[in-house]
Amino acid sequence: MEPSRCTSEIPAARIDPSRCAAQALNVICATATTPPTHEILVLVLDECQRGISILMVHDTFVRDAVYEVSRIVARGAPVGVRASAVVASIRPGGRADASDINRWYACDALLAEAGVVLLEWFVISDRVDCPRSLASEPPRWPV
């Protein structure tokens, strides 16, 4: 399921699982700074896909900032828990492009080394793009 817009359904933290990309995007949209500014948000999910934390990093004007944010998440990954992450880069005026494919693979590898599954990475501007899709990778959300 590729998200196209935010809706009103937001899973309750630590209670309701995020079952699809659209639900995770709802959490991101509800958390992001208004008006939109350059920032990266990471929704960390537990083994049941319930939200356990949200990391917000502001002033992420450089597209490669997603690498450092992924390193931070990997270092802080919960031990003994099969965690997953949903990353969102808010880029006012800047959409995803082909260079994000390499960023997808690099961030995926960084997180995987820490035992964290990168479920999705949204690039949000005047639309929502998913570098995973640009890389022709299949969705990672459980059915």
N, C-alpha and C. Protein backbone atom coordinates (compact mmCIF):
# COMPACT_ATOMS: atom_id res chain seq x y z
N MET A 1 0.84 -1.18 0.00
CA MET A 1 0.00 0.00 0.00
C MET A 1 0.88 1.23 0.00
N GLU A 2 0.80 2.03 -1.00
CA GLU A 2 1.57 3.27 -1.08
C GLU A 2 0.71 4.41 -0.54
N PRO A 3 1.22 5.14 0.46
CA PRO A 3 0.43 6.23 1.03
C PRO A 3 0.33 7.39 0.05
N SER A 4 -0.81 8.05 0.07
CA SER A 4 -0.96 9.22 -0.78
C SER A 4 -1.34 10.46 0.03
N ARG A 5 -1.91 10.28 1.22
CA ARG A 5 -2.27 11.43 2.04
C ARG A 5 -2.50 10.96 3.47
N CYS A 6 -2.52 11.92 4.40
CA CYS A 6 -2.79 11.58 5.79
C CYS A 6 -4.29 11.47 6.02
N THR A 7 -4.69 10.53 6.82
CA THR A 7 -6.09 10.39 7.21
C THR A 7 -6.15 10.50 8.72
N SER A 8 -7.32 10.31 9.29
CA SER A 8 -7.48 10.54 10.72
C SER A 8 -7.09 9.36 11.60
N GLU A 9 -6.88 8.20 11.04
CA GLU A 9 -6.58 7.03 11.87
C GLU A 9 -5.14 7.05 12.36
N ILE A 10 -4.97 7.15 13.67
CA ILE A 10 -3.64 7.15 14.28
C ILE A 10 -3.62 6.07 15.36
N PRO A 11 -2.73 5.08 15.22
CA PRO A 11 -2.65 4.03 16.23
C PRO A 11 -2.15 4.59 17.57
N ALA A 12 -2.69 4.10 18.66
CA ALA A 12 -2.26 4.54 19.99
C ALA A 12 -0.89 3.94 20.31
N ALA A 13 0.01 4.79 20.81
CA ALA A 13 1.37 4.34 21.14
C ALA A 13 1.32 3.22 22.18
N ARG A 14 2.18 2.23 21.97
CA ARG A 14 2.34 1.08 22.87
C ARG A 14 1.08 0.21 23.00
N ILE A 15 0.02 0.54 22.25
CA ILE A 15 -1.23 -0.23 22.33
C ILE A 15 -1.59 -0.81 20.98
N ASP A 16 -1.79 0.06 20.00
CA ASP A 16 -2.24 -0.36 18.68
C ASP A 16 -1.06 -0.50 17.72
N PRO A 17 -1.00 -1.58 16.97
CA PRO A 17 0.06 -1.71 15.98
C PRO A 17 -0.18 -0.82 14.76
N SER A 18 0.90 -0.42 14.13
CA SER A 18 0.82 0.24 12.83
C SER A 18 0.85 -0.90 11.82
N ARG A 19 -0.27 -1.15 11.18
CA ARG A 19 -0.42 -2.32 10.31
C ARG A 19 -0.04 -2.06 8.86
N CYS A 20 0.13 -0.80 8.50
CA CYS A 20 0.45 -0.50 7.10
C CYS A 20 1.17 0.84 7.04
N ALA A 21 1.71 1.13 5.87
CA ALA A 21 2.44 2.37 5.67
C ALA A 21 1.57 3.60 5.94
N ALA A 22 0.30 3.52 5.54
CA ALA A 22 -0.59 4.67 5.72
C ALA A 22 -0.77 5.01 7.20
N GLN A 23 -0.89 4.01 8.06
CA GLN A 23 -1.03 4.29 9.49
C GLN A 23 0.24 4.91 10.06
N ALA A 24 1.39 4.40 9.65
CA ALA A 24 2.65 4.99 10.12
C ALA A 24 2.78 6.43 9.62
N LEU A 25 2.37 6.66 8.40
CA LEU A 25 2.42 8.02 7.84
C LEU A 25 1.50 8.95 8.63
N ASN A 26 0.38 8.45 9.11
CA ASN A 26 -0.52 9.26 9.94
C ASN A 26 0.18 9.73 11.20
N VAL A 27 0.95 8.83 11.84
CA VAL A 27 1.69 9.20 13.05
C VAL A 27 2.73 10.26 12.71
N ILE A 28 3.45 10.05 11.61
CA ILE A 28 4.47 11.01 11.19
C ILE A 28 3.85 12.38 10.94
N CYS A 29 2.76 12.41 10.19
CA CYS A 29 2.11 13.69 9.86
C CYS A 29 1.59 14.40 11.11
N ALA A 30 1.11 13.63 12.08
CA ALA A 30 0.61 14.22 13.31
C ALA A 30 1.74 14.77 14.18
N THR A 31 2.95 14.27 13.98
CA THR A 31 4.10 14.64 14.80
C THR A 31 4.95 15.73 14.16
N ALA A 32 4.97 15.79 12.86
CA ALA A 32 5.84 16.72 12.13
C ALA A 32 5.52 18.17 12.46
N THR A 33 6.54 18.99 12.35
CA THR A 33 6.42 20.42 12.60
C THR A 33 5.52 21.08 11.56
N THR A 34 4.69 22.02 12.03
CA THR A 34 3.82 22.79 11.15
C THR A 34 4.18 24.27 11.31
N PRO A 35 4.40 25.00 10.24
CA PRO A 35 4.46 24.57 8.85
C PRO A 35 5.67 23.67 8.62
N PRO A 36 5.65 22.91 7.53
CA PRO A 36 6.75 21.97 7.28
C PRO A 36 8.11 22.65 7.26
N THR A 37 9.07 21.98 7.86
CA THR A 37 10.46 22.44 7.90
C THR A 37 11.36 21.24 7.64
N HIS A 38 12.60 21.47 7.29
CA HIS A 38 13.52 20.38 7.03
C HIS A 38 13.78 19.63 8.34
N GLU A 39 13.28 18.41 8.39
CA GLU A 39 13.49 17.57 9.57
C GLU A 39 13.36 16.11 9.17
N ILE A 40 13.89 15.26 10.03
CA ILE A 40 13.75 13.81 9.85
C ILE A 40 13.10 13.27 11.11
N LEU A 41 12.08 12.44 10.91
CA LEU A 41 11.39 11.78 12.01
C LEU A 41 11.56 10.28 11.85
N VAL A 42 11.72 9.60 12.96
CA VAL A 42 11.82 8.14 12.95
C VAL A 42 10.82 7.60 13.97
N LEU A 43 9.92 6.78 13.48
CA LEU A 43 8.97 6.07 14.33
C LEU A 43 9.56 4.69 14.57
N VAL A 44 9.85 4.37 15.84
CA VAL A 44 10.40 3.07 16.19
C VAL A 44 9.26 2.19 16.70
N LEU A 45 9.17 0.99 16.15
CA LEU A 45 8.10 0.05 16.49
C LEU A 45 8.68 -1.18 17.18
N ASP A 46 7.91 -1.76 18.11
CA ASP A 46 8.35 -2.99 18.77
C ASP A 46 8.04 -4.21 17.90
N GLU A 47 8.24 -5.40 18.44
CA GLU A 47 8.05 -6.64 17.67
C GLU A 47 6.59 -6.85 17.25
N CYS A 48 5.66 -6.17 17.89
CA CYS A 48 4.24 -6.25 17.51
C CYS A 48 3.83 -5.06 16.65
N GLN A 49 4.80 -4.26 16.24
CA GLN A 49 4.61 -3.08 15.40
C GLN A 49 3.85 -1.95 16.10
N ARG A 50 3.96 -1.92 17.42
CA ARG A 50 3.41 -0.81 18.20
C ARG A 50 4.47 0.27 18.34
N GLY A 51 4.06 1.51 18.21
CA GLY A 51 5.00 2.62 18.35
C GLY A 51 5.56 2.69 19.76
N ILE A 52 6.90 2.72 19.87
CA ILE A 52 7.52 2.82 21.20
C ILE A 52 8.30 4.12 21.37
N SER A 53 8.67 4.77 20.26
CA SER A 53 9.32 6.07 20.38
C SER A 53 9.31 6.78 19.03
N ILE A 54 9.48 8.09 19.11
CA ILE A 54 9.61 8.92 17.91
C ILE A 54 10.82 9.83 18.13
N LEU A 55 11.71 9.81 17.17
CA LEU A 55 12.88 10.68 17.19
C LEU A 55 12.65 11.78 16.16
N MET A 56 12.87 13.03 16.58
CA MET A 56 12.75 14.17 15.66
C MET A 56 14.09 14.89 15.61
N VAL A 57 14.59 15.08 14.40
CA VAL A 57 15.85 15.81 14.21
C VAL A 57 15.54 16.98 13.29
N HIS A 58 15.78 18.19 13.78
CA HIS A 58 15.47 19.40 13.02
C HIS A 58 16.67 19.88 12.20
N ASP A 59 16.41 20.78 11.28
CA ASP A 59 17.44 21.42 10.45
C ASP A 59 18.25 20.41 9.64
N THR A 60 17.57 19.48 9.00
CA THR A 60 18.22 18.46 8.19
C THR A 60 18.21 18.88 6.72
N PHE A 61 18.89 19.99 6.44
CA PHE A 61 18.90 20.55 5.10
C PHE A 61 19.67 19.67 4.11
N VAL A 62 20.65 18.93 4.60
CA VAL A 62 21.47 18.07 3.75
C VAL A 62 20.77 16.72 3.63
N ARG A 63 20.59 16.26 2.41
CA ARG A 63 19.89 14.99 2.19
C ARG A 63 20.57 13.81 2.87
N ASP A 64 21.91 13.85 2.97
CA ASP A 64 22.64 12.76 3.60
C ASP A 64 22.46 12.71 5.12
N ALA A 65 21.76 13.66 5.70
CA ALA A 65 21.50 13.64 7.15
C ALA A 65 20.79 12.37 7.56
N VAL A 66 20.08 11.75 6.65
CA VAL A 66 19.37 10.51 6.97
C VAL A 66 20.34 9.41 7.39
N TYR A 67 21.61 9.45 6.91
CA TYR A 67 22.61 8.46 7.33
C TYR A 67 22.89 8.59 8.82
N GLU A 68 23.17 9.82 9.26
CA GLU A 68 23.50 10.02 10.67
C GLU A 68 22.32 9.71 11.57
N VAL A 69 21.14 10.08 11.14
CA VAL A 69 19.94 9.76 11.94
C VAL A 69 19.78 8.24 12.03
N SER A 70 20.02 7.52 10.96
CA SER A 70 19.94 6.05 10.99
C SER A 70 20.98 5.47 11.94
N ARG A 71 22.19 6.05 11.95
CA ARG A 71 23.23 5.59 12.89
C ARG A 71 22.77 5.79 14.34
N ILE A 72 22.16 6.92 14.61
CA ILE A 72 21.67 7.20 15.97
C ILE A 72 20.62 6.17 16.37
N VAL A 73 19.69 5.88 15.47
CA VAL A 73 18.65 4.89 15.76
C VAL A 73 19.28 3.52 15.98
N ALA A 74 20.26 3.17 15.14
CA ALA A 74 20.92 1.86 15.28
C ALA A 74 21.63 1.76 16.62
N ARG A 75 22.31 2.82 17.04
CA ARG A 75 23.00 2.80 18.34
C ARG A 75 22.03 2.68 19.51
N GLY A 76 20.85 3.25 19.36
CA GLY A 76 19.87 3.23 20.45
C GLY A 76 18.84 2.12 20.32
N ALA A 77 19.08 1.19 19.41
CA ALA A 77 18.09 0.12 19.18
C ALA A 77 17.87 -0.69 20.44
N PRO A 78 16.60 -1.02 20.71
CA PRO A 78 16.32 -1.83 21.90
C PRO A 78 16.97 -3.20 21.79
N VAL A 79 17.61 -3.63 22.88
CA VAL A 79 18.28 -4.93 22.91
C VAL A 79 17.26 -6.01 23.23
N GLY A 80 17.33 -7.10 22.49
CA GLY A 80 16.44 -8.23 22.76
C GLY A 80 15.04 -8.06 22.21
N VAL A 81 14.82 -7.00 21.45
CA VAL A 81 13.51 -6.75 20.85
C VAL A 81 13.69 -6.67 19.34
N ARG A 82 12.83 -7.34 18.61
CA ARG A 82 12.88 -7.25 17.15
C ARG A 82 12.17 -5.97 16.73
N ALA A 83 12.93 -4.89 16.68
CA ALA A 83 12.36 -3.58 16.39
C ALA A 83 12.34 -3.31 14.88
N SER A 84 11.51 -2.36 14.51
CA SER A 84 11.48 -1.88 13.13
C SER A 84 11.38 -0.36 13.18
N ALA A 85 11.65 0.25 12.04
CA ALA A 85 11.65 1.71 11.99
C ALA A 85 10.99 2.20 10.71
N VAL A 86 10.33 3.35 10.85
CA VAL A 86 9.77 4.07 9.72
C VAL A 86 10.42 5.45 9.77
N VAL A 87 11.12 5.80 8.71
CA VAL A 87 11.83 7.07 8.63
C VAL A 87 11.05 8.01 7.71
N ALA A 88 11.05 9.28 8.05
CA ALA A 88 10.43 10.29 7.19
C ALA A 88 11.34 11.50 7.10
N SER A 89 11.71 11.85 5.88
CA SER A 89 12.47 13.08 5.63
C SER A 89 11.49 14.13 5.13
N ILE A 90 11.34 15.20 5.88
CA ILE A 90 10.48 16.30 5.45
C ILE A 90 11.37 17.24 4.65
N ARG A 91 11.03 17.42 3.37
CA ARG A 91 11.83 18.24 2.47
C ARG A 91 10.95 19.28 1.78
N PRO A 92 10.65 20.38 2.44
CA PRO A 92 9.85 21.41 1.76
C PRO A 92 10.54 21.83 0.46
N GLY A 93 9.82 21.70 -0.63
CA GLY A 93 10.36 22.11 -1.92
C GLY A 93 11.31 21.11 -2.56
N GLY A 94 11.52 19.95 -1.96
CA GLY A 94 12.45 18.97 -2.54
C GLY A 94 11.90 17.57 -2.47
N ARG A 95 11.74 16.95 -3.59
CA ARG A 95 11.18 15.60 -3.66
C ARG A 95 12.29 14.55 -3.64
N ALA A 96 11.88 13.29 -3.53
CA ALA A 96 12.82 12.18 -3.64
C ALA A 96 13.34 12.13 -5.07
N ASP A 97 14.59 11.66 -5.21
CA ASP A 97 15.15 11.49 -6.54
C ASP A 97 15.99 10.21 -6.57
N ALA A 98 16.61 9.95 -7.69
CA ALA A 98 17.36 8.70 -7.87
C ALA A 98 18.49 8.53 -6.84
N SER A 99 19.05 9.62 -6.34
CA SER A 99 20.13 9.50 -5.35
C SER A 99 19.62 8.91 -4.03
N ASP A 100 18.33 8.98 -3.81
CA ASP A 100 17.77 8.41 -2.58
C ASP A 100 17.76 6.88 -2.60
N ILE A 101 17.89 6.29 -3.75
CA ILE A 101 17.96 4.82 -3.82
C ILE A 101 19.19 4.33 -3.04
N ASN A 102 20.35 4.95 -3.26
CA ASN A 102 21.55 4.56 -2.52
C ASN A 102 21.40 4.83 -1.03
N ARG A 103 20.74 5.93 -0.70
CA ARG A 103 20.50 6.23 0.72
C ARG A 103 19.61 5.15 1.35
N TRP A 104 18.60 4.69 0.62
CA TRP A 104 17.72 3.63 1.11
C TRP A 104 18.54 2.40 1.47
N TYR A 105 19.37 1.95 0.54
CA TYR A 105 20.16 0.73 0.78
C TYR A 105 21.15 0.93 1.92
N ALA A 106 21.78 2.09 2.01
CA ALA A 106 22.75 2.34 3.08
C ALA A 106 22.07 2.39 4.45
N CYS A 107 20.96 3.07 4.55
CA CYS A 107 20.24 3.15 5.83
C CYS A 107 19.67 1.79 6.22
N ASP A 108 19.18 1.06 5.24
CA ASP A 108 18.68 -0.29 5.50
C ASP A 108 19.79 -1.16 6.09
N ALA A 109 20.99 -1.10 5.52
CA ALA A 109 22.11 -1.90 6.01
C ALA A 109 22.54 -1.47 7.41
N LEU A 110 22.60 -0.15 7.66
CA LEU A 110 22.97 0.35 8.99
C LEU A 110 22.01 -0.16 10.06
N LEU A 111 20.74 -0.06 9.77
CA LEU A 111 19.73 -0.49 10.74
C LEU A 111 19.72 -2.01 10.89
N ALA A 112 19.86 -2.73 9.79
CA ALA A 112 19.86 -4.20 9.85
C ALA A 112 20.99 -4.73 10.72
N GLU A 113 22.17 -4.08 10.68
CA GLU A 113 23.29 -4.49 11.53
C GLU A 113 22.92 -4.42 13.00
N ALA A 114 22.01 -3.53 13.36
CA ALA A 114 21.57 -3.38 14.75
C ALA A 114 20.31 -4.20 15.04
N GLY A 115 19.86 -4.97 14.05
CA GLY A 115 18.67 -5.79 14.24
C GLY A 115 17.36 -5.05 14.06
N VAL A 116 17.42 -3.90 13.40
CA VAL A 116 16.22 -3.09 13.17
C VAL A 116 15.84 -3.20 11.69
N VAL A 117 14.57 -3.51 11.44
CA VAL A 117 14.07 -3.61 10.07
C VAL A 117 13.60 -2.23 9.63
N LEU A 118 14.11 -1.74 8.52
CA LEU A 118 13.63 -0.49 7.94
C LEU A 118 12.39 -0.81 7.13
N LEU A 119 11.23 -0.52 7.71
CA LEU A 119 9.96 -0.82 7.03
C LEU A 119 9.69 0.12 5.87
N GLU A 120 9.97 1.40 6.11
CA GLU A 120 9.67 2.38 5.07
C GLU A 120 10.46 3.64 5.33
N TRP A 121 10.71 4.37 4.26
CA TRP A 121 11.29 5.70 4.34
C TRP A 121 10.44 6.59 3.44
N PHE A 122 9.77 7.55 4.05
CA PHE A 122 8.96 8.51 3.32
C PHE A 122 9.79 9.77 3.08
N VAL A 123 9.68 10.32 1.90
CA VAL A 123 10.22 11.64 1.61
C VAL A 123 8.98 12.50 1.34
N ILE A 124 8.76 13.46 2.23
CA ILE A 124 7.53 14.25 2.20
C ILE A 124 7.85 15.67 1.76
N SER A 125 7.20 16.09 0.69
CA SER A 125 7.30 17.47 0.20
C SER A 125 5.88 17.89 -0.12
N ASP A 126 5.61 18.26 -1.37
CA ASP A 126 4.24 18.53 -1.77
C ASP A 126 3.52 17.21 -2.09
N ARG A 127 4.26 16.12 -1.98
CA ARG A 127 3.71 14.77 -2.15
C ARG A 127 4.54 13.83 -1.28
N VAL A 128 4.13 12.58 -1.23
CA VAL A 128 4.87 11.58 -0.46
C VAL A 128 5.49 10.58 -1.43
N ASP A 129 6.81 10.45 -1.34
CA ASP A 129 7.54 9.46 -2.14
C ASP A 129 8.16 8.43 -1.21
N CYS A 130 8.42 7.25 -1.74
CA CYS A 130 9.07 6.18 -0.98
C CYS A 130 10.28 5.70 -1.76
N PRO A 131 11.50 6.02 -1.30
CA PRO A 131 12.69 5.54 -2.01
C PRO A 131 12.73 4.02 -2.18
N ARG A 132 12.09 3.28 -1.29
CA ARG A 132 11.99 1.82 -1.45
C ARG A 132 11.34 1.49 -2.78
N SER A 133 10.29 2.23 -3.12
CA SER A 133 9.61 2.02 -4.40
C SER A 133 10.50 2.41 -5.57
N LEU A 134 11.23 3.53 -5.40
CA LEU A 134 12.15 3.94 -6.46
C LEU A 134 13.21 2.87 -6.71
N ALA A 135 13.58 2.13 -5.66
CA ALA A 135 14.57 1.06 -5.76
C ALA A 135 13.94 -0.25 -6.25
N SER A 136 12.64 -0.22 -6.52
CA SER A 136 11.88 -1.41 -6.96
C SER A 136 11.91 -2.53 -5.93
N GLU A 137 11.99 -2.15 -4.65
CA GLU A 137 11.93 -3.12 -3.56
C GLU A 137 10.47 -3.33 -3.18
N PRO A 138 10.09 -4.55 -2.82
CA PRO A 138 8.70 -4.80 -2.43
C PRO A 138 8.40 -4.19 -1.06
N PRO A 139 7.13 -3.93 -0.77
CA PRO A 139 6.76 -3.43 0.57
C PRO A 139 7.20 -4.42 1.64
N ARG A 140 7.51 -3.90 2.81
CA ARG A 140 8.00 -4.74 3.93
C ARG A 140 6.98 -4.89 5.04
N TRP A 141 5.81 -4.33 4.85
CA TRP A 141 4.79 -4.43 5.89
C TRP A 141 4.23 -5.84 5.91
N PRO A 142 4.06 -6.43 7.11
CA PRO A 142 3.47 -7.77 7.18
C PRO A 142 2.03 -7.74 6.68
N VAL A 143 1.64 -8.81 6.08
CA VAL A 143 0.27 -8.89 5.54
C VAL A 143 -0.70 -9.27 6.61
